[in-house]
Amino acid sequence: VEATVQNDTLNIYGKKEPTTISELENLGEAELEAIVSSKNSNDARFVLGKLLLEGSSDKIKKNEKKGMNWLKEAVKNDHLPSLEYKTYYDIRFDKQP
């Protein structure tokens, strides 16, 4: 993935940086990882974790272990949507929150 930062804006393949969670959900795994590494984005961590856990994206293959790790990383950074989703996931699948 080719990603550059210009004027504090991330460009992926010449596209403007996604600014909403719904825009992030349309990206692939490598694109989301590029955003995490270049912008330290908890929204990208959340979306990546959620999509990996659910396996609901054509661009991202299901991997529950990786997905939970991305969510936990965002939770450590006090990202509320990640905490809410992880808690919901833990209750839904009877895991320890």
Protein backbone atom coordinates (compact mmCIF):
# COMPACT_ATOMS: atom_id res chain seq x y z
CA VAL A 1 0.00 0.00 0.00
CA GLU A 2 1.35 3.37 -0.96
CA ALA A 3 0.44 5.99 1.58
CA THR A 4 1.83 9.46 2.05
CA VAL A 5 1.11 12.28 4.48
CA GLN A 6 0.96 15.79 3.03
CA ASN A 7 -0.19 18.84 4.98
CA ASP A 8 -1.31 16.50 7.79
CA THR A 9 -3.63 14.63 5.37
CA LEU A 10 -3.15 10.98 4.58
CA ASN A 11 -3.33 10.07 0.90
CA ILE A 12 -3.83 6.45 -0.12
CA TYR A 13 -3.46 5.83 -3.84
CA GLY A 14 -4.10 9.55 -4.39
CA LYS A 15 -7.44 9.49 -2.53
CA LYS A 16 -8.26 11.88 0.30
CA GLU A 17 -8.11 10.43 3.80
CA PRO A 18 -11.32 8.76 5.00
CA THR A 19 -12.78 10.83 7.82
CA THR A 20 -15.69 8.72 9.08
CA ILE A 21 -16.00 5.18 10.36
CA SER A 22 -18.30 4.30 7.45
CA GLU A 23 -15.65 5.51 4.99
CA LEU A 24 -13.02 3.43 6.80
CA GLU A 25 -15.25 0.35 6.52
CA ASN A 26 -14.85 0.48 2.72
CA LEU A 27 -11.08 0.04 2.88
CA GLY A 28 -9.02 -3.14 2.81
CA GLU A 29 -6.83 -4.52 5.57
CA ALA A 30 -3.56 -3.11 4.19
CA GLU A 31 -5.11 0.35 3.74
CA LEU A 32 -6.42 0.38 7.31
CA GLU A 33 -3.05 -0.77 8.64
CA ALA A 34 -1.40 2.08 6.71
CA ILE A 35 -3.74 4.56 8.40
CA VAL A 36 -3.02 3.06 11.83
CA SER A 37 0.73 3.30 11.31
CA SER A 38 0.83 6.74 9.72
CA LYS A 39 -1.90 8.53 11.70
CA ASN A 40 -2.14 6.38 14.85
CA SER A 41 -5.90 6.20 14.24
CA ASN A 42 -8.03 4.44 16.83
CA ASP A 43 -11.00 4.62 14.45
CA ALA A 44 -8.97 2.58 11.94
CA ARG A 45 -7.99 0.10 14.69
CA PHE A 46 -11.66 -0.23 15.64
CA VAL A 47 -12.86 -0.79 12.08
CA LEU A 48 -10.06 -3.24 11.34
CA GLY A 49 -10.78 -5.19 14.52
CA LYS A 50 -14.51 -5.24 13.91
CA LEU A 51 -14.22 -6.35 10.28
CA LEU A 52 -11.68 -9.06 11.15
CA LEU A 53 -13.93 -10.37 13.95
CA GLU A 54 -17.08 -10.38 11.83
CA GLY A 55 -15.62 -11.43 8.50
CA SER A 56 -18.31 -9.25 6.91
CA SER A 57 -16.09 -7.50 4.36
CA ASP A 58 -15.16 -8.83 0.94
CA LYS A 59 -11.80 -7.09 1.35
CA ILE A 60 -10.90 -8.46 4.80
CA LYS A 61 -10.78 -12.16 5.65
CA LYS A 62 -12.17 -13.22 9.04
CA ASN A 63 -9.53 -13.62 11.74
CA GLU A 64 -10.94 -13.38 15.27
CA LYS A 65 -7.59 -13.38 17.07
CA LYS A 66 -6.18 -10.48 15.00
CA GLY A 67 -9.48 -8.63 15.23
CA MET A 68 -9.59 -8.84 19.01
CA ASN A 69 -5.97 -7.68 19.23
CA TRP A 70 -6.78 -4.55 17.16
CA LEU A 71 -9.82 -3.83 19.36
CA LYS A 72 -7.82 -4.28 22.56
CA GLU A 73 -5.19 -1.86 21.26
CA ALA A 74 -7.85 0.78 20.60
CA VAL A 75 -9.45 0.14 24.02
CA LYS A 76 -6.06 0.75 25.66
CA ASN A 77 -6.15 4.19 24.03
CA ASP A 78 -9.58 4.92 25.59
CA HIS A 79 -11.49 4.59 22.30
CA LEU A 80 -15.12 4.38 23.43
CA PRO A 81 -16.64 2.68 20.32
CA SER A 82 -14.00 -0.06 20.64
CA LEU A 83 -14.75 -0.56 24.32
CA GLU A 84 -18.50 -0.76 23.61
CA TYR A 85 -18.05 -3.20 20.72
CA LYS A 86 -15.60 -5.41 22.66
CA THR A 87 -17.96 -5.53 25.66
CA TYR A 88 -20.88 -6.42 23.36
CA TYR A 89 -18.76 -9.11 21.67
CA ASP A 90 -17.63 -10.58 25.00
CA ILE A 91 -21.21 -10.75 26.33
CA ARG A 92 -22.57 -12.12 23.06
CA PHE A 93 -20.06 -14.95 22.95
CA ASP A 94 -19.97 -15.45 26.74
CA LYS A 95 -16.34 -14.40 27.15
CA GLN A 96 -14.77 -12.55 30.04
CA PRO A 97 -14.90 -8.77 29.30
